[in-house]
Amino acid sequence: MSYSQMMIGNQESIGDVLELFISKKPVNQIIVDVKGIIGDKFYAKNIDRSILISSVDSYKMAQEIGVSLEFGKLGENILIEYNPYNLESGTRIEIGEVILEISQKCTLCKSLTKIDSKLPKLLKDDRGIFSKVIRGGTINKRDKIYIV
């Protein structure tokens, strides 16, 4: 029996990890501890903002206004198929061996104007959410995501 099954019984996952990034570089696996993602440029900088999680829905929103983006261009560390933007601060999610706690919504990023001037306004509340690490470990592409 996996740790996930022990923690949450037979609860279904809310989605899967689609892509992972360390400092915008795509990878198949990330290793995290309480300071963030090991090897990432933001490691140990701001624990409450150590991991950025984005939804594929953000990319779909951009595409609907004619802006085509490659995954990773929003600066996310973890791209998931589930839309987590309505999860409240303090909500904990389990991905692989890791437990993350949602700390805040991603703030408006003016660097998105370099891609397209409409993106900051479009993705104001839908670019991503920051999380901090509660329990470190490994996250792999295709890992299931659970609300704890």
C-alpha atoms as a PDB file:
ATOM      1  CA  MET A   1       0.000   0.000   0.000  1.00  0.00           C
ATOM      2  CA  SER A   2       1.414   3.398  -0.989  1.00  0.00           C
ATOM      3  CA  TYR A   3       1.684   6.331   1.373  1.00  0.00           C
ATOM      4  CA  SER A   4      -1.055   8.090  -0.646  1.00  0.00           C
ATOM      5  CA  GLN A   5      -3.467   5.233  -0.097  1.00  0.00           C
ATOM      6  CA  MET A   6      -2.678   5.184   3.630  1.00  0.00           C
ATOM      7  CA  MET A   7      -3.150   8.959   3.913  1.00  0.00           C
ATOM      8  CA  ILE A   8      -6.322   9.361   1.921  1.00  0.00           C
ATOM      9  CA  GLY A   9      -7.883   5.976   1.539  1.00  0.00           C
ATOM     10  CA  ASN A  10      -9.224   5.255  -1.914  1.00  0.00           C
ATOM     11  CA  GLN A  11      -9.827   8.884  -2.840  1.00  0.00           C
ATOM     12  CA  GLU A  12      -9.450   9.523  -6.556  1.00  0.00           C
ATOM     13  CA  SER A  13      -6.737  11.810  -7.784  1.00  0.00           C
ATOM     14  CA  ILE A  14      -7.706  15.280  -8.974  1.00  0.00           C
ATOM     15  CA  GLY A  15      -5.297  15.107 -11.888  1.00  0.00           C
ATOM     16  CA  ASP A  16      -1.810  14.365 -13.130  1.00  0.00           C
ATOM     17  CA  VAL A  17       1.492  16.183 -13.431  1.00  0.00           C
ATOM     18  CA  LEU A  18       1.957  16.991 -17.124  1.00  0.00           C
ATOM     19  CA  GLU A  19       5.340  18.741 -17.103  1.00  0.00           C
ATOM     20  CA  LEU A  20       8.074  19.687 -14.647  1.00  0.00           C
ATOM     21  CA  PHE A  21      10.591  22.532 -14.839  1.00  0.00           C
ATOM     22  CA  ILE A  22      13.703  23.589 -12.962  1.00  0.00           C
ATOM     23  CA  SER A  23      14.467  27.242 -13.753  1.00  0.00           C
ATOM     24  CA  LYS A  24      12.358  26.940 -16.951  1.00  0.00           C
ATOM     25  CA  LYS A  25      14.274  23.828 -18.098  1.00  0.00           C
ATOM     26  CA  PRO A  26      11.981  20.815 -18.714  1.00  0.00           C
ATOM     27  CA  VAL A  27      12.835  17.758 -16.620  1.00  0.00           C
ATOM     28  CA  ASN A  28      11.233  14.378 -15.872  1.00  0.00           C
ATOM     29  CA  GLN A  29      11.696  14.619 -12.106  1.00  0.00           C
ATOM     30  CA  ILE A  30      12.208  17.231  -9.403  1.00  0.00           C
ATOM     31  CA  ILE A  31      13.527  16.726  -5.893  1.00  0.00           C
ATOM     32  CA  VAL A  32      12.245  19.080  -3.228  1.00  0.00           C
ATOM     33  CA  ASP A  33      12.934  19.827   0.396  1.00  0.00           C
ATOM     34  CA  VAL A  34      11.530  22.482   2.731  1.00  0.00           C
ATOM     35  CA  LYS A  35      13.560  25.172   0.914  1.00  0.00           C
ATOM     36  CA  GLY A  36      12.036  24.391  -2.487  1.00  0.00           C
ATOM     37  CA  ILE A  37      13.213  22.636  -5.627  1.00  0.00           C
ATOM     38  CA  ILE A  38      16.826  21.553  -5.434  1.00  0.00           C
ATOM     39  CA  GLY A  39      18.719  23.141  -8.328  1.00  0.00           C
ATOM     40  CA  ASP A  40      16.111  25.829  -9.063  1.00  0.00           C
ATOM     41  CA  LYS A  41      17.200  29.481  -9.198  1.00  0.00           C
ATOM     42  CA  PHE A  42      14.627  30.329  -6.514  1.00  0.00           C
ATOM     43  CA  TYR A  43      15.749  27.576  -4.123  1.00  0.00           C
ATOM     44  CA  ALA A  44      15.832  28.881  -0.510  1.00  0.00           C
ATOM     45  CA  LYS A  45      14.829  32.417  -1.586  1.00  0.00           C
ATOM     46  CA  ASN A  46      11.222  32.654  -0.300  1.00  0.00           C
ATOM     47  CA  ILE A  47       9.873  29.489   1.290  1.00  0.00           C
ATOM     48  CA  ASP A  48       6.207  30.543   0.844  1.00  0.00           C
ATOM     49  CA  ARG A  49       6.767  31.007  -2.899  1.00  0.00           C
ATOM     50  CA  SER A  50       9.153  28.130  -3.497  1.00  0.00           C
ATOM     51  CA  ILE A  51       7.099  26.214  -6.084  1.00  0.00           C
ATOM     52  CA  LEU A  52       4.822  27.646  -8.791  1.00  0.00           C
ATOM     53  CA  ILE A  53       2.032  25.354  -9.967  1.00  0.00           C
ATOM     54  CA  SER A  54       0.153  26.214 -13.158  1.00  0.00           C
ATOM     55  CA  SER A  55      -2.744  24.607 -14.953  1.00  0.00           C
ATOM     56  CA  VAL A  56      -2.885  23.679 -18.602  1.00  0.00           C
ATOM     57  CA  ASP A  57      -6.062  25.823 -18.543  1.00  0.00           C
ATOM     58  CA  SER A  58      -3.850  28.943 -18.458  1.00  0.00           C
ATOM     59  CA  TYR A  59      -2.279  27.919 -21.750  1.00  0.00           C
ATOM     60  CA  LYS A  60      -5.722  27.226 -23.221  1.00  0.00           C
ATOM     61  CA  MET A  61      -6.889  30.704 -22.187  1.00  0.00           C
ATOM     62  CA  ALA A  62      -3.912  32.257 -23.969  1.00  0.00           C
ATOM     63  CA  GLN A  63      -4.533  30.147 -27.044  1.00  0.00           C
ATOM     64  CA  GLU A  64      -8.173  31.308 -27.151  1.00  0.00           C
ATOM     65  CA  ILE A  65      -6.973  34.888 -27.722  1.00  0.00           C
ATOM     66  CA  GLY A  66      -4.451  33.775 -30.339  1.00  0.00           C
ATOM     67  CA  VAL A  67      -1.352  33.545 -28.142  1.00  0.00           C
ATOM     68  CA  SER A  68       0.433  30.224 -28.523  1.00  0.00           C
ATOM     69  CA  LEU A  69       2.821  29.421 -25.678  1.00  0.00           C
ATOM     70  CA  GLU A  70       5.161  26.509 -25.114  1.00  0.00           C
ATOM     71  CA  PHE A  71       4.721  24.849 -21.720  1.00  0.00           C
ATOM     72  CA  GLY A  72       7.049  26.447 -19.179  1.00  0.00           C
ATOM     73  CA  LYS A  73       6.722  29.974 -20.556  1.00  0.00           C
ATOM     74  CA  LEU A  74       4.560  31.010 -17.594  1.00  0.00           C
ATOM     75  CA  GLY A  75       7.473  30.238 -15.277  1.00  0.00           C
ATOM     76  CA  GLU A  76       5.820  27.288 -13.586  1.00  0.00           C
ATOM     77  CA  ASN A  77       7.701  24.480 -11.893  1.00  0.00           C
ATOM     78  CA  ILE A  78       4.790  22.048 -12.083  1.00  0.00           C
ATOM     79  CA  LEU A  79       2.203  22.010 -14.878  1.00  0.00           C
ATOM     80  CA  ILE A  80      -0.923  20.025 -14.058  1.00  0.00           C
ATOM     81  CA  GLU A  81      -4.115  19.104 -15.872  1.00  0.00           C
ATOM     82  CA  TYR A  82      -6.286  20.196 -12.916  1.00  0.00           C
ATOM     83  CA  ASN A  83      -7.204  23.852 -12.377  1.00  0.00           C
ATOM     84  CA  PRO A  84      -6.088  24.623  -8.787  1.00  0.00           C
ATOM     85  CA  TYR A  85      -6.720  28.369  -8.826  1.00  0.00           C
ATOM     86  CA  ASN A  86      -9.762  28.164  -6.571  1.00  0.00           C
ATOM     87  CA  LEU A  87      -7.926  26.233  -3.860  1.00  0.00           C
ATOM     88  CA  GLU A  88      -7.596  28.324  -0.734  1.00  0.00           C
ATOM     89  CA  SER A  89      -4.348  29.175   1.010  1.00  0.00           C
ATOM     90  CA  GLY A  90      -3.535  26.423   3.484  1.00  0.00           C
ATOM     91  CA  THR A  91      -4.917  23.637   1.256  1.00  0.00           C
ATOM     92  CA  ARG A  92      -2.482  20.747   1.099  1.00  0.00           C
ATOM     93  CA  ILE A  93      -1.905  18.605  -1.949  1.00  0.00           C
ATOM     94  CA  GLU A  94       0.101  15.439  -2.329  1.00  0.00           C
ATOM     95  CA  ILE A  95       2.112  14.768  -5.476  1.00  0.00           C
ATOM     96  CA  GLY A  96       4.339  11.702  -5.513  1.00  0.00           C
ATOM     97  CA  GLU A  97       6.157  11.616  -2.175  1.00  0.00           C
ATOM     98  CA  VAL A  98       5.685  15.337  -1.614  1.00  0.00           C
ATOM     99  CA  ILE A  99       3.121  17.338   0.317  1.00  0.00           C
ATOM    100  CA  LEU A 100       2.742  20.995  -0.697  1.00  0.00           C
ATOM    101  CA  GLU A 101       0.666  23.701   0.957  1.00  0.00           C
ATOM    102  CA  ILE A 102      -0.914  26.410  -1.163  1.00  0.00           C
ATOM    103  CA  SER A 103       0.456  29.729   0.106  1.00  0.00           C
ATOM    104  CA  GLN A 104      -0.840  32.353  -2.348  1.00  0.00           C
ATOM    105  CA  LYS A 105      -1.958  33.093  -5.883  1.00  0.00           C
ATOM    106  CA  CYS A 106       0.748  34.066  -8.288  1.00  0.00           C
ATOM    107  CA  THR A 107       1.061  37.821  -8.512  1.00  0.00           C
ATOM    108  CA  LEU A 108       0.656  39.684 -11.776  1.00  0.00           C
ATOM    109  CA  CYS A 109       3.854  39.368 -13.786  1.00  0.00           C
ATOM    110  CA  LYS A 110       4.770  42.203 -16.143  1.00  0.00           C
ATOM    111  CA  SER A 111       7.383  39.997 -17.831  1.00  0.00           C
ATOM    112  CA  LEU A 112       4.470  38.313 -19.607  1.00  0.00           C
ATOM    113  CA  THR A 113       4.107  41.487 -21.695  1.00  0.00           C
ATOM    114  CA  LYS A 114       7.313  40.444 -23.484  1.00  0.00           C
ATOM    115  CA  ILE A 115       5.304  37.521 -24.886  1.00  0.00           C
ATOM    116  CA  ASP A 116       2.076  39.438 -25.534  1.00  0.00           C
ATOM    117  CA  SER A 117       0.734  42.672 -24.045  1.00  0.00           C
ATOM    118  CA  LYS A 118      -2.662  41.041 -23.336  1.00  0.00           C
ATOM    119  CA  LEU A 119      -1.284  38.178 -21.189  1.00  0.00           C
ATOM    120  CA  PRO A 120      -0.846  39.921 -17.806  1.00  0.00           C
ATOM    121  CA  LYS A 121      -4.460  41.110 -17.751  1.00  0.00           C
ATOM    122  CA  LEU A 122      -5.824  37.833 -19.156  1.00  0.00           C
ATOM    123  CA  LEU A 123      -3.952  35.634 -16.661  1.00  0.00           C
ATOM    124  CA  LYS A 124      -4.182  38.005 -13.681  1.00  0.00           C
ATOM    125  CA  ASP A 125      -5.929  35.385 -11.526  1.00  0.00           C
ATOM    126  CA  ASP A 126      -5.113  32.339 -13.643  1.00  0.00           C
ATOM    127  CA  ARG A 127      -1.339  32.158 -14.078  1.00  0.00           C
ATOM    128  CA  GLY A 128      -0.574  29.902 -11.135  1.00  0.00           C
ATOM    129  CA  ILE A 129      -0.429  29.343  -7.409  1.00  0.00           C
ATOM    130  CA  PHE A 130       2.563  29.336  -5.118  1.00  0.00           C
ATOM    131  CA  SER A 131       3.124  26.590  -2.614  1.00  0.00           C
ATOM    132  CA  LYS A 132       5.562  25.740   0.129  1.00  0.00           C
ATOM    133  CA  VAL A 133       6.938  22.308   0.874  1.00  0.00           C
ATOM    134  CA  ILE A 134       5.551  20.515   3.920  1.00  0.00           C
ATOM    135  CA  ARG A 135       7.164  17.144   3.168  1.00  0.00           C
ATOM    136  CA  GLY A 136      10.025  16.831   0.711  1.00  0.00           C
ATOM    137  CA  GLY A 137      10.733  14.041  -1.727  1.00  0.00           C
ATOM    138  CA  THR A 138      10.492  13.364  -5.432  1.00  0.00           C
ATOM    139  CA  ILE A 139       7.881  14.442  -7.986  1.00  0.00           C
ATOM    140  CA  ASN A 140       7.792  12.765 -11.398  1.00  0.00           C
ATOM    141  CA  LYS A 141       5.941  13.540 -14.593  1.00  0.00           C
ATOM    142  CA  ARG A 142       2.592  11.700 -14.633  1.00  0.00           C
ATOM    143  CA  ASP A 143       2.404  11.520 -10.809  1.00  0.00           C
ATOM    144  CA  LYS A 144      -1.145  11.674  -9.499  1.00  0.00           C
ATOM    145  CA  ILE A 145      -2.301  14.673  -7.451  1.00  0.00           C
ATOM    146  CA  TYR A 146      -4.462  14.382  -4.324  1.00  0.00           C
ATOM    147  CA  ILE A 147      -5.980  16.921  -1.987  1.00  0.00           C
ATOM    148  CA  VAL A 148      -4.933  15.907   1.521  1.00  0.00           C
END
